[in-house]
Amino acid sequence: MENIIQVTVIDREGVEHHLDAPTDMAMNMMEVCKSYELPVEGICGGMALCASCHMYVLSDHHLTEASDDEENMLDQAFFVKSNSRLGCQIKITKAIQGLKVQLAPVDGD
């Protein structure tokens, strides 16, 4: 299917989930994770106003630069690494075919 890409999400227990993600629905990684009932909250609804969709990008994909809003939110998040991104800011496009991410731990994990 030409409007579907595959992405891999490693959950907080270390289990890999191979997911199909549509490129024609203006979705982001947070929404894809939620649609597969993975533990990503997305409390702010994808506005980069919380860090409940914090994840680590493990694959070598060129993603758009983090916005100032995303950077500010990550500055307040727990367990931030150099490859940290907010899932709500990773748009599902053909360019991220094969993307691999890991869900960041939440406070108390």
Protein backbone atom coordinates (compact mmCIF):
# COMPACT_ATOMS: atom_id res chain seq x y z
CA MET A 1 0.00 0.00 0.00
CA GLU A 2 1.57 3.24 -1.10
CA ASN A 3 0.13 5.39 1.72
CA ILE A 4 1.40 3.15 4.52
CA ILE A 5 4.86 3.10 6.09
CA GLN A 6 6.24 0.84 8.76
CA VAL A 7 7.66 2.15 12.04
CA THR A 8 8.96 0.32 15.09
CA VAL A 9 8.14 1.37 18.64
CA ILE A 10 9.86 -0.17 21.64
CA ASP A 11 7.58 0.08 24.66
CA ARG A 12 8.71 0.67 28.25
CA GLU A 13 9.02 -3.08 28.86
CA GLY A 14 11.43 -3.44 25.91
CA VAL A 15 8.93 -5.10 23.55
CA GLU A 16 9.20 -4.11 19.88
CA HIS A 17 5.97 -3.27 18.07
CA HIS A 18 6.05 -3.12 14.26
CA LEU A 19 3.31 -0.70 13.25
CA ASP A 20 1.73 0.39 9.99
CA ALA A 21 1.31 4.15 9.83
CA PRO A 22 -0.73 6.02 7.20
CA THR A 23 0.99 8.89 5.41
CA ASP A 24 -2.23 10.38 4.05
CA MET A 25 -4.01 11.22 7.33
CA ALA A 26 -1.77 13.99 8.76
CA MET A 27 -0.93 11.84 11.78
CA ASN A 28 2.08 11.99 14.07
CA MET A 29 3.92 9.32 16.07
CA MET A 30 1.95 10.04 19.24
CA GLU A 31 -1.33 9.41 17.41
CA VAL A 32 -0.04 6.22 15.80
CA CYS A 33 1.08 4.90 19.19
CA LYS A 34 -2.29 5.75 20.72
CA SER A 35 -4.14 4.06 17.85
CA TYR A 36 -2.26 0.85 18.68
CA GLU A 37 -3.03 1.36 22.39
CA LEU A 38 0.60 1.82 23.36
CA PRO A 39 1.13 3.75 26.61
CA VAL A 40 1.51 7.26 25.19
CA GLU A 41 -0.83 9.74 26.80
CA GLY A 42 -0.71 12.84 24.64
CA ILE A 43 -2.36 14.86 27.39
CA CYS A 44 -2.11 18.16 25.48
CA GLY A 45 -3.53 16.67 22.28
CA GLY A 46 -0.34 17.07 20.27
CA MET A 47 0.35 20.76 20.83
CA ALA A 48 3.88 20.31 22.33
CA LEU A 49 2.55 21.59 25.65
CA CYS A 50 3.40 18.50 27.70
CA ALA A 51 5.95 15.72 27.44
CA SER A 52 3.64 12.72 27.82
CA CYS A 53 4.65 11.49 24.32
CA HIS A 54 8.40 11.76 24.95
CA MET A 55 10.36 9.19 22.96
CA TYR A 56 13.90 8.46 21.83
CA VAL A 57 14.69 8.27 18.12
CA LEU A 58 16.90 5.20 17.65
CA SER A 59 17.17 5.08 13.86
CA ASP A 60 19.24 7.38 11.68
CA HIS A 61 16.43 9.40 10.11
CA HIS A 62 16.65 13.07 9.24
CA LEU A 63 13.70 14.59 11.08
CA THR A 64 12.61 18.20 11.01
CA GLU A 65 14.34 20.32 13.62
CA ALA A 66 12.61 20.58 16.96
CA SER A 67 10.62 23.79 17.33
CA ASP A 68 11.25 26.21 20.17
CA ASP A 69 8.05 24.95 21.83
CA GLU A 70 9.25 21.35 21.62
CA GLU A 71 12.72 22.26 22.94
CA ASN A 72 11.16 24.18 25.84
CA MET A 73 8.96 21.22 26.72
CA LEU A 74 11.88 18.78 26.58
CA ASP A 75 13.83 21.10 28.88
CA GLN A 76 11.17 20.37 31.51
CA ALA A 77 10.86 16.62 30.85
CA PHE A 78 12.45 13.76 32.77
CA PHE A 79 15.03 11.37 31.30
CA VAL A 80 15.91 13.61 28.33
CA LYS A 81 18.70 12.43 26.01
CA SER A 82 20.28 13.89 22.90
CA ASN A 83 17.88 11.82 20.75
CA SER A 84 14.74 12.87 22.66
CA ARG A 85 11.73 14.10 20.71
CA LEU A 86 8.05 14.59 21.36
CA GLY A 87 6.07 12.03 19.40
CA CYS A 88 3.42 14.61 18.57
CA GLN A 89 6.04 16.56 16.62
CA ILE A 90 7.17 13.65 14.42
CA LYS A 91 4.89 13.80 11.41
CA ILE A 92 4.10 10.58 9.55
CA THR A 93 5.57 10.98 6.08
CA LYS A 94 7.18 8.61 3.59
CA ALA A 95 10.57 10.04 4.62
CA ILE A 96 10.38 8.28 7.99
CA GLN A 97 9.77 4.78 6.58
CA GLY A 98 11.52 2.38 8.98
CA LEU A 99 11.72 4.86 11.86
CA LYS A 100 12.57 3.21 15.18
CA VAL A 101 11.74 4.87 18.48
CA GLN A 102 11.63 3.90 22.13
CA LEU A 103 9.11 5.29 24.59
CA ALA A 104 10.86 7.28 27.30
CA PRO A 105 10.25 6.26 30.89
CA VAL A 106 7.73 8.29 32.82
CA ASP A 107 8.42 9.73 36.25
CA GLY A 108 8.47 6.79 38.61
CA ASP A 109 9.23 4.07 36.02
